[in-house]
PDB file of N, CA and C in Angstrom:
ATOM      1  N   MET A   1    -127.742 186.377 103.690  1.00  0.00           N
ATOM      2  CA  MET A   1    -129.057 185.865 104.459  1.00  0.00           C
ATOM      3  C   MET A   1    -130.170 187.397 104.451  1.00  0.00           C
ATOM      4  N   PHE A   2    -130.327 187.974 104.713  1.00  0.00           N
ATOM      5  CA  PHE A   2    -130.951 189.509 104.921  1.00  0.00           C
ATOM      6  C   PHE A   2    -130.869 189.752 103.468  1.00  0.00           C
ATOM      7  N   ILE A   3    -129.466 189.529 102.513  1.00  0.00           N
ATOM      8  CA  ILE A   3    -129.304 190.519 101.456  1.00  0.00           C
ATOM      9  C   ILE A   3    -129.779 189.158 100.549  1.00  0.00           C
ATOM     10  N   SER A   4    -130.275 189.973  98.888  1.00  0.00           N
ATOM     11  CA  SER A   4    -130.899 188.965  98.444  1.00  0.00           C
ATOM     12  C   SER A   4    -129.716 189.529  97.607  1.00  0.00           C
ATOM     13  N   ASN A   5    -129.721 187.974  96.665  1.00  0.00           N
ATOM     14  CA  ASN A   5    -128.923 188.279  95.242  1.00  0.00           C
ATOM     15  C   ASN A   5    -128.988 189.778  94.413  1.00  0.00           C
ATOM     16  N   ALA A   6    -127.857 190.158  93.874  1.00  0.00           N
ATOM     17  CA  ALA A   6    -128.583 191.156  93.084  1.00  0.00           C
ATOM     18  C   ALA A   6    -127.865 190.507  91.467  1.00  0.00           C
ATOM     19  N   PHE A   7    -128.654 190.811  90.613  1.00  0.00           N
ATOM     20  CA  PHE A   7    -128.165 190.413  89.203  1.00  0.00           C
ATOM     21  C   PHE A   7    -128.255 191.530  88.200  1.00  0.00           C
ATOM     22  N   ALA A   8    -127.054 191.404  87.001  1.00  0.00           N
ATOM     23  CA  ALA A   8    -127.181 192.459  86.452  1.00  0.00           C
ATOM     24  C   ALA A   8    -128.092 192.529  85.128  1.00  0.00           C
ATOM     25  N   GLN A   9    -128.991 193.165  84.763  1.00  0.00           N
ATOM     26  CA  GLN A   9    -130.276 192.796  83.528  1.00  0.00           C
ATOM     27  C   GLN A   9    -129.485 192.919  82.577  1.00  0.00           C
ATOM     28  N   ALA A  10    -129.775 192.102  81.365  1.00  0.00           N
ATOM     29  CA  ALA A  10    -129.325 192.303  80.051  1.00  0.00           C
ATOM     30  C   ALA A  10    -129.305 193.202  79.854  1.00  0.00           C
ATOM     31  N   ALA A  11    -127.808 194.010  78.566  1.00  0.00           N
ATOM     32  CA  ALA A  11    -128.067 195.065  78.041  1.00  0.00           C
ATOM     33  C   ALA A  11    -128.971 194.961  76.947  1.00  0.00           C
ATOM     34  N   PRO A  12    -129.284 196.397  76.452  1.00  0.00           N
ATOM     35  CA  PRO A  12    -130.344 196.066  75.429  1.00  0.00           C
ATOM     36  C   PRO A  12    -129.578 195.706  74.434  1.00  0.00           C
ATOM     37  N   ALA A  13    -130.669 195.293  73.420  1.00  0.00           N
ATOM     38  CA  ALA A  13    -129.556 195.066  72.026  1.00  0.00           C
ATOM     39  C   ALA A  13    -128.970 196.487  71.846  1.00  0.00           C
ATOM     40  N   ALA A  14    -128.215 196.302  70.430  1.00  0.00           N
ATOM     41  CA  ALA A  14    -127.543 197.534  70.444  1.00  0.00           C
ATOM     42  C   ALA A  14    -128.006 197.706  68.867  1.00  0.00           C
ATOM     43  N   ALA A  15    -128.431 199.255  68.639  1.00  0.00           N
ATOM     44  CA  ALA A  15    -129.040 199.092  67.287  1.00  0.00           C
ATOM     45  C   ALA A  15    -127.915 199.327  66.195  1.00  0.00           C
ATOM     46  N   THR A  16    -128.414 198.872  65.342  1.00  0.00           N
ATOM     47  CA  THR A  16    -127.215 198.839  64.239  1.00  0.00           C
ATOM     48  C   THR A  16    -127.896 199.343  62.868  1.00  0.00           C
ATOM     49  N   GLY A  17    -126.803 199.578  61.777  1.00  0.00           N
ATOM     50  CA  GLY A  17    -127.445 200.210  60.399  1.00  0.00           C
ATOM     51  C   GLY A  17    -126.822 201.939  60.574  1.00  0.00           C
ATOM     52  N   THR A  18    -127.327 202.301  59.478  1.00  0.00           N
ATOM     53  CA  THR A  18    -127.040 203.656  59.279  1.00  0.00           C
ATOM     54  C   THR A  18    -128.018 204.831  60.314  1.00  0.00           C
ATOM     55  N   GLU A  19    -129.101 204.552  59.969  1.00  0.00           N
ATOM     56  CA  GLU A  19    -129.927 205.634  60.473  1.00  0.00           C
ATOM     57  C   GLU A  19    -129.719 205.629  62.223  1.00  0.00           C
ATOM     58  N   SER A  20    -128.974 205.274  62.523  1.00  0.00           N
ATOM     59  CA  SER A  20    -128.765 205.439  64.252  1.00  0.00           C
ATOM     60  C   SER A  20    -127.286 206.605  64.221  1.00  0.00           C
ATOM     61  N   SER A  21    -126.301 206.394  63.434  1.00  0.00           N
ATOM     62  CA  SER A  21    -125.293 206.903  62.688  1.00  0.00           C
ATOM     63  C   SER A  21    -125.687 208.459  62.616  1.00  0.00           C
ATOM     64  N   LEU A  22    -126.611 208.600  61.546  1.00  0.00           N
ATOM     65  CA  LEU A  22    -127.693 209.696  61.006  1.00  0.00           C
ATOM     66  C   LEU A  22    -127.769 210.389  62.094  1.00  0.00           C
ATOM     67  N   LEU A  23    -128.629 209.918  63.038  1.00  0.00           N
ATOM     68  CA  LEU A  23    -129.434 210.422  64.177  1.00  0.00           C
ATOM     69  C   LEU A  23    -128.882 210.918  65.088  1.00  0.00           C
ATOM     70  N   SER A  24    -127.542 210.303  64.846  1.00  0.00           N
ATOM     71  CA  SER A  24    -126.315 210.723  65.938  1.00  0.00           C
ATOM     72  C   SER A  24    -125.772 212.066  65.990  1.00  0.00           C
ATOM     73  N   MET A  25    -125.614 212.353  64.001  1.00  0.00           N
ATOM     74  CA  MET A  25    -125.101 213.305  63.609  1.00  0.00           C
ATOM     75  C   MET A  25    -126.096 214.445  63.497  1.00  0.00           C
ATOM     76  N   LEU A  26    -127.112 214.241  63.461  1.00  0.00           N
ATOM     77  CA  LEU A  26    -127.947 215.065  63.203  1.00  0.00           C
ATOM     78  C   LEU A  26    -127.810 216.745  64.119  1.00  0.00           C
ATOM     79  N   PRO A  27    -127.732 216.500  65.550  1.00  0.00           N
ATOM     80  CA  PRO A  27    -127.849 217.740  66.233  1.00  0.00           C
ATOM     81  C   PRO A  27    -126.364 218.427  65.817  1.00  0.00           C
ATOM     82  N   LEU A  28    -125.588 217.907  65.582  1.00  0.00           N
ATOM     83  CA  LEU A  28    -124.170 218.217  65.100  1.00  0.00           C
ATOM     84  C   LEU A  28    -124.176 219.205  63.873  1.00  0.00           C
ATOM     85  N   VAL A  29    -124.815 218.458  63.123  1.00  0.00           N
ATOM     86  CA  VAL A  29    -125.369 218.982  61.740  1.00  0.00           C
ATOM     87  C   VAL A  29    -126.032 220.222  61.597  1.00  0.00           C
ATOM     88  N   LEU A  30    -126.875 220.590  62.678  1.00  0.00           N
ATOM     89  CA  LEU A  30    -128.051 221.536  63.148  1.00  0.00           C
ATOM     90  C   LEU A  30    -127.225 222.419  63.379  1.00  0.00           C
ATOM     91  N   MET A  31    -126.253 222.369  64.298  1.00  0.00           N
ATOM     92  CA  MET A  31    -125.745 223.281  65.147  1.00  0.00           C
ATOM     93  C   MET A  31    -125.048 223.948  64.258  1.00  0.00           C
ATOM     94  N   PHE A  32    -124.286 223.546  63.318  1.00  0.00           N
ATOM     95  CA  PHE A  32    -123.354 224.247  62.041  1.00  0.00           C
ATOM     96  C   PHE A  32    -124.331 224.635  61.268  1.00  0.00           C
ATOM     97  N   VAL A  33    -125.718 224.435  60.817  1.00  0.00           N
ATOM     98  CA  VAL A  33    -126.117 225.385  60.208  1.00  0.00           C
ATOM     99  C   VAL A  33    -126.602 226.744  60.682  1.00  0.00           C
ATOM    100  N   VAL A  34    -127.342 226.171  62.385  1.00  0.00           N
ATOM    101  CA  VAL A  34    -127.544 228.003  62.331  1.00  0.00           C
ATOM    102  C   VAL A  34    -126.301 228.605  62.837  1.00  0.00           C
ATOM    103  N   LEU A  35    -125.259 227.960  63.114  1.00  0.00           N
ATOM    104  CA  LEU A  35    -124.193 229.094  63.408  1.00  0.00           C
ATOM    105  C   LEU A  35    -124.176 229.867  61.990  1.00  0.00           C
ATOM    106  N   TYR A  36    -123.706 229.199  60.823  1.00  0.00           N
ATOM    107  CA  TYR A  36    -123.618 229.729  59.476  1.00  0.00           C
ATOM    108  C   TYR A  36    -124.568 230.920  59.336  1.00  0.00           C
ATOM    109  N   PHE A  37    -125.820 230.646  59.794  1.00  0.00           N
ATOM    110  CA  PHE A  37    -126.980 231.604  59.580  1.00  0.00           C
ATOM    111  C   PHE A  37    -127.532 232.666  60.499  1.00  0.00           C
ATOM    112  N   VAL A  38    -126.408 232.480  61.747  1.00  0.00           N
ATOM    113  CA  VAL A  38    -126.496 233.442  62.878  1.00  0.00           C
ATOM    114  C   VAL A  38    -125.098 234.166  62.922  1.00  0.00           C
ATOM    115  N   MET A  39    -124.161 233.728  62.503  1.00  0.00           N
ATOM    116  CA  MET A  39    -122.605 234.289  63.074  1.00  0.00           C
ATOM    117  C   MET A  39    -122.155 234.277  61.711  1.00  0.00           C
ATOM    118  N   ILE A  40    -121.914 233.413  60.542  1.00  0.00           N
ATOM    119  CA  ILE A  40    -120.555 233.573  59.569  1.00  0.00           C
ATOM    120  C   ILE A  40    -121.671 234.551  58.238  1.00  0.00           C
ATOM    121  N   ARG A  41    -122.520 234.287  58.367  1.00  0.00           N
ATOM    122  CA  ARG A  41    -123.215 234.721  57.137  1.00  0.00           C
ATOM    123  C   ARG A  41    -123.248 236.511  57.218  1.00  0.00           C
ATOM    124  N   PRO A  42    -124.077 236.503  58.387  1.00  0.00           N
ATOM    125  CA  PRO A  42    -123.981 238.349  58.211  1.00  0.00           C
ATOM    126  C   PRO A  42    -122.749 239.028  58.831  1.00  0.00           C
ATOM    127  N   GLN A  43    -121.938 238.330  59.085  1.00  0.00           N
ATOM    128  CA  GLN A  43    -120.165 238.936  59.644  1.00  0.00           C
ATOM    129  C   GLN A  43    -119.744 239.239  57.715  1.00  0.00           C
ATOM    130  N   MET A  44    -120.048 238.011  56.897  1.00  0.00           N
ATOM    131  CA  MET A  44    -119.617 238.305  55.460  1.00  0.00           C
ATOM    132  C   MET A  44    -120.419 239.639  55.081  1.00  0.00           C
ATOM    133  N   LYS A  45    -121.651 238.964  55.361  1.00  0.00           N
ATOM    134  CA  LYS A  45    -122.132 240.447  54.267  1.00  0.00           C
ATOM    135  C   LYS A  45    -121.279 241.687  55.078  1.00  0.00           C
ATOM    136  N   ARG A  46    -121.219 242.038  56.206  1.00  0.00           N
ATOM    137  CA  ARG A  46    -121.103 243.439  56.552  1.00  0.00           C
ATOM    138  C   ARG A  46    -119.366 243.212  56.406  1.00  0.00           C
ATOM    139  N   GLN A  47    -118.850 242.629  55.787  1.00  0.00           N
ATOM    140  CA  GLN A  47    -117.630 242.775  55.437  1.00  0.00           C
ATOM    141  C   GLN A  47    -117.255 242.971  54.061  1.00  0.00           C
ATOM    142  N   LYS A  48    -118.328 242.507  53.304  1.00  0.00           N
ATOM    143  CA  LYS A  48    -118.475 242.890  51.844  1.00  0.00           C
ATOM    144  C   LYS A  48    -119.158 244.414  51.488  1.00  0.00           C
ATOM    145  N   GLU A  49    -120.109 245.055  52.456  1.00  0.00           N
ATOM    146  CA  GLU A  49    -120.474 246.584  52.239  1.00  0.00           C
ATOM    147  C   GLU A  49    -119.264 247.439  52.592  1.00  0.00           C
ATOM    148  N   HIS A  50    -118.155 247.202  53.944  1.00  0.00           N
ATOM    149  CA  HIS A  50    -117.504 247.451  54.265  1.00  0.00           C
ATOM    150  C   HIS A  50    -116.564 247.820  53.233  1.00  0.00           C
ATOM    151  N   LYS A  51    -115.896 246.673  52.448  1.00  0.00           N
ATOM    152  CA  LYS A  51    -115.099 246.989  50.946  1.00  0.00           C
ATOM    153  C   LYS A  51    -115.879 247.418  50.221  1.00  0.00           C
ATOM    154  N   ALA A  52    -116.905 247.724  49.672  1.00  0.00           N
ATOM    155  CA  ALA A  52    -117.675 248.660  48.875  1.00  0.00           C
ATOM    156  C   ALA A  52    -117.286 249.585  48.881  1.00  0.00           C
ATOM    157  N   MET A  53    -117.489 250.283  50.471  1.00  0.00           N
ATOM    158  CA  MET A  53    -117.740 251.859  50.889  1.00  0.00           C
ATOM    159  C   MET A  53    -115.996 252.011  50.725  1.00  0.00           C
ATOM    160  N   ILE A  54    -115.267 251.450  51.435  1.00  0.00           N
ATOM    161  CA  ILE A  54    -114.035 251.813  50.986  1.00  0.00           C
ATOM    162  C   ILE A  54    -113.404 251.580  49.726  1.00  0.00           C
ATOM    163  N   ASP A  55    -113.831 251.015  49.111  1.00  0.00           N
ATOM    164  CA  ASP A  55    -113.572 250.979  47.507  1.00  0.00           C
ATOM    165  C   ASP A  55    -114.298 252.598  46.711  1.00  0.00           C
ATOM    166  N   ALA A  56    -115.278 253.158  47.439  1.00  0.00           N
ATOM    167  CA  ALA A  56    -116.067 254.022  46.437  1.00  0.00           C
ATOM    168  C   ALA A  56    -115.458 255.034  47.485  1.00  0.00           C
ATOM    169  N   ILE A  57    -114.703 255.769  48.389  1.00  0.00           N
ATOM    170  CA  ILE A  57    -114.421 256.679  48.928  1.00  0.00           C
ATOM    171  C   ILE A  57    -113.428 257.333  48.184  1.00  0.00           C
ATOM    172  N   ALA A  58    -114.010 258.772  47.718  1.00  0.00           N
ATOM    173  CA  ALA A  58    -113.336 259.740  46.782  1.00  0.00           C
ATOM    174  C   ALA A  58    -112.806 261.345  47.633  1.00  0.00           C
ATOM    175  N   LYS A  59    -112.056 261.613  46.854  1.00  0.00           N
ATOM    176  CA  LYS A  59    -111.624 263.228  47.222  1.00  0.00           C
ATOM    177  C   LYS A  59    -112.857 263.639  47.289  1.00  0.00           C
ATOM    178  N   GLY A  60    -112.966 264.762  48.713  1.00  0.00           N
ATOM    179  CA  GLY A  60    -114.166 265.670  49.445  1.00  0.00           C
ATOM    180  C   GLY A  60    -114.682 264.762  50.288  1.00  0.00           C
ATOM    181  N   ASP A  61    -114.776 263.712  50.448  1.00  0.00           N
ATOM    182  CA  ASP A  61    -115.595 262.452  51.507  1.00  0.00           C
ATOM    183  C   ASP A  61    -115.538 263.072  52.849  1.00  0.00           C
ATOM    184  N   GLU A  62    -116.551 263.487  53.510  1.00  0.00           N
ATOM    185  CA  GLU A  62    -116.418 263.497  54.796  1.00  0.00           C
ATOM    186  C   GLU A  62    -116.130 262.189  55.654  1.00  0.00           C
ATOM    187  N   VAL A  63    -115.507 261.555  55.965  1.00  0.00           N
ATOM    188  CA  VAL A  63    -115.140 260.350  57.160  1.00  0.00           C
ATOM    189  C   VAL A  63    -114.898 260.310  58.135  1.00  0.00           C
ATOM    190  N   ILE A  64    -115.642 258.822  59.138  1.00  0.00           N
ATOM    191  CA  ILE A  64    -115.085 258.915  60.778  1.00  0.00           C
ATOM    192  C   ILE A  64    -113.990 257.538  60.361  1.00  0.00           C
ATOM    193  N   THR A  65    -113.070 257.628  61.317  1.00  0.00           N
ATOM    194  CA  THR A  65    -111.958 256.370  61.240  1.00  0.00           C
ATOM    195  C   THR A  65    -112.471 255.803  62.577  1.00  0.00           C
ATOM    196  N   SER A  66    -111.523 254.386  62.669  1.00  0.00           N
ATOM    197  CA  SER A  66    -111.546 253.690  63.528  1.00  0.00           C
ATOM    198  C   SER A  66    -111.326 254.138  64.870  1.00  0.00           C
ATOM    199  N   GLY A  67    -110.276 255.621  65.214  1.00  0.00           N
ATOM    200  CA  GLY A  67    -109.958 255.861  65.995  1.00  0.00           C
ATOM    201  C   GLY A  67    -110.767 257.574  66.590  1.00  0.00           C
ATOM    202  N   GLY A  68    -112.116 257.279  65.783  1.00  0.00           N
ATOM    203  CA  GLY A  68    -112.662 258.201  66.240  1.00  0.00           C
ATOM    204  C   GLY A  68    -112.297 259.805  65.452  1.00  0.00           C
ATOM    205  N   LEU A  69    -111.369 260.366  64.322  1.00  0.00           N
ATOM    206  CA  LEU A  69    -111.086 261.056  63.843  1.00  0.00           C
ATOM    207  C   LEU A  69    -111.895 261.309  62.666  1.00  0.00           C
ATOM    208  N   LEU A  70    -112.719 262.897  62.556  1.00  0.00           N
ATOM    209  CA  LEU A  70    -113.279 262.946  61.500  1.00  0.00           C
ATOM    210  C   LEU A  70    -112.715 264.635  60.770  1.00  0.00           C
ATOM    211  N   GLY A  71    -112.911 263.972  59.799  1.00  0.00           N
ATOM    212  CA  GLY A  71    -111.986 264.939  58.296  1.00  0.00           C
ATOM    213  C   GLY A  71    -113.030 264.631  57.372  1.00  0.00           C
ATOM    214  N   LYS A  72    -112.016 265.668  56.186  1.00  0.00           N
ATOM    215  CA  LYS A  72    -112.423 265.151  55.148  1.00  0.00           C
ATOM    216  C   LYS A  72    -111.470 264.726  54.162  1.00  0.00           C
ATOM    217  N   ILE A  73    -111.287 264.114  53.236  1.00  0.00           N
ATOM    218  CA  ILE A  73    -110.345 263.719  52.409  1.00  0.00           C
ATOM    219  C   ILE A  73    -109.932 264.241  51.384  1.00  0.00           C
ATOM    220  N   SER A  74    -108.608 264.596  51.581  1.00  0.00           N
ATOM    221  CA  SER A  74    -107.722 265.127  50.400  1.00  0.00           C
ATOM    222  C   SER A  74    -107.269 264.872  49.335  1.00  0.00           C
ATOM    223  N   LYS A  75    -106.572 263.744  49.738  1.00  0.00           N
ATOM    224  CA  LYS A  75    -105.731 262.673  48.268  1.00  0.00           C
ATOM    225  C   LYS A  75    -105.926 261.506  48.444  1.00  0.00           C
ATOM    226  N   VAL A  76    -106.317 260.730  47.984  1.00  0.00           N
ATOM    227  CA  VAL A  76    -106.793 259.364  47.626  1.00  0.00           C
ATOM    228  C   VAL A  76    -105.656 258.581  47.274  1.00  0.00           C
ATOM    229  N   GLY A  77    -104.869 257.050  48.075  1.00  0.00           N
ATOM    230  CA  GLY A  77    -103.824 256.518  47.462  1.00  0.00           C
ATOM    231  C   GLY A  77    -104.562 255.510  47.148  1.00  0.00           C
ATOM    232  N   GLU A  78    -103.518 254.586  46.670  1.00  0.00           N
ATOM    233  CA  GLU A  78    -104.244 252.796  46.734  1.00  0.00           C
ATOM    234  C   GLU A  78    -104.278 252.446  47.782  1.00  0.00           C
ATOM    235  N   SER A  79    -103.671 252.655  49.226  1.00  0.00           N
ATOM    236  CA  SER A  79    -103.723 252.168  50.494  1.00  0.00           C
ATOM    237  C   SER A  79    -103.798 252.844  51.647  1.00  0.00           C
ATOM    238  N   TYR A  80    -103.330 254.204  51.241  1.00  0.00           N
ATOM    239  CA  TYR A  80    -103.643 255.667  52.168  1.00  0.00           C
ATOM    240  C   TYR A  80    -104.277 256.411  51.606  1.00  0.00           C
ATOM    241  N   LEU A  81    -105.237 257.064  52.802  1.00  0.00           N
ATOM    242  CA  LEU A  81    -105.605 258.325  52.123  1.00  0.00           C
ATOM    243  C   LEU A  81    -105.122 259.578  52.927  1.00  0.00           C
ATOM    244  N   SER A  82    -105.251 261.038  52.594  1.00  0.00           N
ATOM    245  CA  SER A  82    -104.764 262.183  53.383  1.00  0.00           C
ATOM    246  C   SER A  82    -106.138 262.508  54.204  1.00  0.00           C
ATOM    247  N   LEU A  83    -105.986 262.777  55.403  1.00  0.00           N
ATOM    248  CA  LEU A  83    -107.652 263.129  55.676  1.00  0.00           C
ATOM    249  C   LEU A  83    -107.192 264.874  56.655  1.00  0.00           C
ATOM    250  N   GLU A  84    -107.988 265.696  55.887  1.00  0.00           N
ATOM    251  CA  GLU A  84    -108.015 266.962  56.398  1.00  0.00           C
ATOM    252  C   GLU A  84    -108.501 266.736  57.649  1.00  0.00           C
ATOM    253  N   VAL A  85    -108.100 267.593  58.973  1.00  0.00           N
ATOM    254  CA  VAL A  85    -108.957 267.081  60.202  1.00  0.00           C
ATOM    255  C   VAL A  85    -109.209 268.883  60.751  1.00  0.00           C
ATOM    256  N   ALA A  86    -108.169 269.329  59.971  1.00  0.00           N
ATOM    257  CA  ALA A  86    -108.340 271.197  60.504  1.00  0.00           C
ATOM    258  C   ALA A  86    -107.965 271.662  59.546  1.00  0.00           C
ATOM    259  N   ASN A  87    -108.094 273.271  58.736  1.00  0.00           N
ATOM    260  CA  ASN A  87    -107.729 273.871  58.170  1.00  0.00           C
ATOM    261  C   ASN A  87    -105.682 273.582  57.973  1.00  0.00           C
ATOM    262  N   GLY A  88    -105.264 273.206  57.464  1.00  0.00           N
ATOM    263  CA  GLY A  88    -103.442 273.268  57.447  1.00  0.00           C
ATOM    264  C   GLY A  88    -103.496 271.760  57.870  1.00  0.00           C
ATOM    265  N   VAL A  89    -103.874 271.141  58.547  1.00  0.00           N
ATOM    266  CA  VAL A  89    -104.211 270.045  59.223  1.00  0.00           C
ATOM    267  C   VAL A  89    -104.371 268.794  58.321  1.00  0.00           C
ATOM    268  N   GLU A  90    -103.526 267.726  57.993  1.00  0.00           N
ATOM    269  CA  GLU A  90    -103.615 266.842  57.183  1.00  0.00           C
ATOM    270  C   GLU A  90    -102.859 265.763  57.969  1.00  0.00           C
ATOM    271  N   LEU A  91    -103.481 264.501  58.188  1.00  0.00           N
ATOM    272  CA  LEU A  91    -103.198 263.108  58.392  1.00  0.00           C
ATOM    273  C   LEU A  91    -103.258 261.983  57.596  1.00  0.00           C
ATOM    274  N   GLN A  92    -102.409 260.879  57.285  1.00  0.00           N
ATOM    275  CA  GLN A  92    -102.426 259.977  56.676  1.00  0.00           C
ATOM    276  C   GLN A  92    -103.127 258.888  57.663  1.00  0.00           C
ATOM    277  N   VAL A  93    -103.931 258.206  56.638  1.00  0.00           N
ATOM    278  CA  VAL A  93    -104.850 256.867  57.640  1.00  0.00           C
ATOM    279  C   VAL A  93    -104.896 255.918  56.505  1.00  0.00           C
ATOM    280  N   GLN A  94    -104.739 254.718  57.015  1.00  0.00           N
ATOM    281  CA  GLN A  94    -104.791 253.623  55.756  1.00  0.00           C
ATOM    282  C   GLN A  94    -106.419 253.801  55.654  1.00  0.00           C
ATOM    283  N   ARG A  95    -106.943 253.393  54.305  1.00  0.00           N
ATOM    284  CA  ARG A  95    -108.565 252.925  53.689  1.00  0.00           C
ATOM    285  C   ARG A  95    -108.696 251.932  54.461  1.00  0.00           C
ATOM    286  N   GLY A  96    -108.726 251.269  55.713  1.00  0.00           N
ATOM    287  CA  GLY A  96    -109.061 250.214  55.885  1.00  0.00           C
ATOM    288  C   GLY A  96    -109.813 250.595  57.474  1.00  0.00           C
ATOM    289  N   ALA A  97    -109.122 251.989  57.839  1.00  0.00           N
ATOM    290  CA  ALA A  97    -109.334 252.819  59.357  1.00  0.00           C
ATOM    291  C   ALA A  97    -110.483 253.594  59.226  1.00  0.00           C
ATOM    292  N   VAL A  98    -111.483 253.683  57.719  1.00  0.00           N
ATOM    293  CA  VAL A  98    -112.081 254.479  57.282  1.00  0.00           C
ATOM    294  C   VAL A  98    -113.444 253.681  57.702  1.00  0.00           C
ATOM    295  N   VAL A  99    -114.397 253.839  59.002  1.00  0.00           N
ATOM    296  CA  VAL A  99    -115.429 253.054  59.770  1.00  0.00           C
ATOM    297  C   VAL A  99    -116.648 253.452  59.005  1.00  0.00           C
ATOM    298  N   GLN A 100    -116.859 254.894  58.938  1.00  0.00           N
ATOM    299  CA  GLN A 100    -117.970 255.585  58.173  1.00  0.00           C
ATOM    300  C   GLN A 100    -117.973 256.606  57.158  1.00  0.00           C
ATOM    301  N   VAL A 101    -119.159 256.689  56.161  1.00  0.00           N
ATOM    302  CA  VAL A 101    -118.615 257.658  55.097  1.00  0.00           C
ATOM    303  C   VAL A 101    -120.106 258.726  55.563  1.00  0.00           C
ATOM    304  N   LEU A 102    -119.534 260.183  56.078  1.00  0.00           N
ATOM    305  CA  LEU A 102    -120.566 260.739  56.611  1.00  0.00           C
ATOM    306  C   LEU A 102    -121.455 261.531  55.322  1.00  0.00           C
ATOM    307  N   PRO A 103    -122.698 262.177  55.377  1.00  0.00           N
ATOM    308  CA  PRO A 103    -122.893 263.114  54.308  1.00  0.00           C
ATOM    309  C   PRO A 103    -122.310 264.520  53.945  1.00  0.00           C
ATOM    310  N   LYS A 104    -122.185 265.024  53.394  1.00  0.00           N
ATOM    311  CA  LYS A 104    -121.724 265.919  52.931  1.00  0.00           C
ATOM    312  C   LYS A 104    -122.451 267.100  53.612  1.00  0.00           C
ATOM    313  N   GLY A 105    -121.466 268.143  54.282  1.00  0.00           N
ATOM    314  CA  GLY A 105    -121.390 269.428  54.903  1.00  0.00           C
ATOM    315  C   GLY A 105    -121.626 268.833  56.670  1.00  0.00           C
ATOM    316  N   THR A 106    -121.635 267.653  57.084  1.00  0.00           N
ATOM    317  CA  THR A 106    -121.360 267.201  58.331  1.00  0.00           C
ATOM    318  C   THR A 106    -120.552 267.535  59.039  1.00  0.00           C
ATOM    319  N   ILE A 107    -119.433 267.927  58.479  1.00  0.00           N
ATOM    320  CA  ILE A 107    -118.174 268.380  58.731  1.00  0.00           C
ATOM    321  C   ILE A 107    -118.591 270.145  58.520  1.00  0.00           C
ATOM    322  N   LYS A 108    -117.877 271.166  59.500  1.00  0.00           N
ATOM    323  CA  LYS A 108    -118.050 272.254  59.087  1.00  0.00           C
ATOM    324  C   LYS A 108    -116.557 272.950  59.264  1.00  0.00           C
TER     325      LYS A 108
END
């Protein structure tokens, strides 16, 4: 009586073709490109620099380990270093634990 009938509208014609699928994939591709340049690429660069620093470590270098130990390298092995932290006190640490090589004369 007082309520008129409601009829559904016709569905819009679906876009067919490859351009609609390419446009739907574009945001996903753009997110991966941004992720690569913002996160992945700088991390790979940092890893490469750290590996070069670890490979260049030699006897007599002063270093800081990831645990915060400061010392002078007294022996260099293939995977371990002997780190002199005080007179007559040597510790063995893994090469990968070295975080930073300090300039000579920093530790006295």
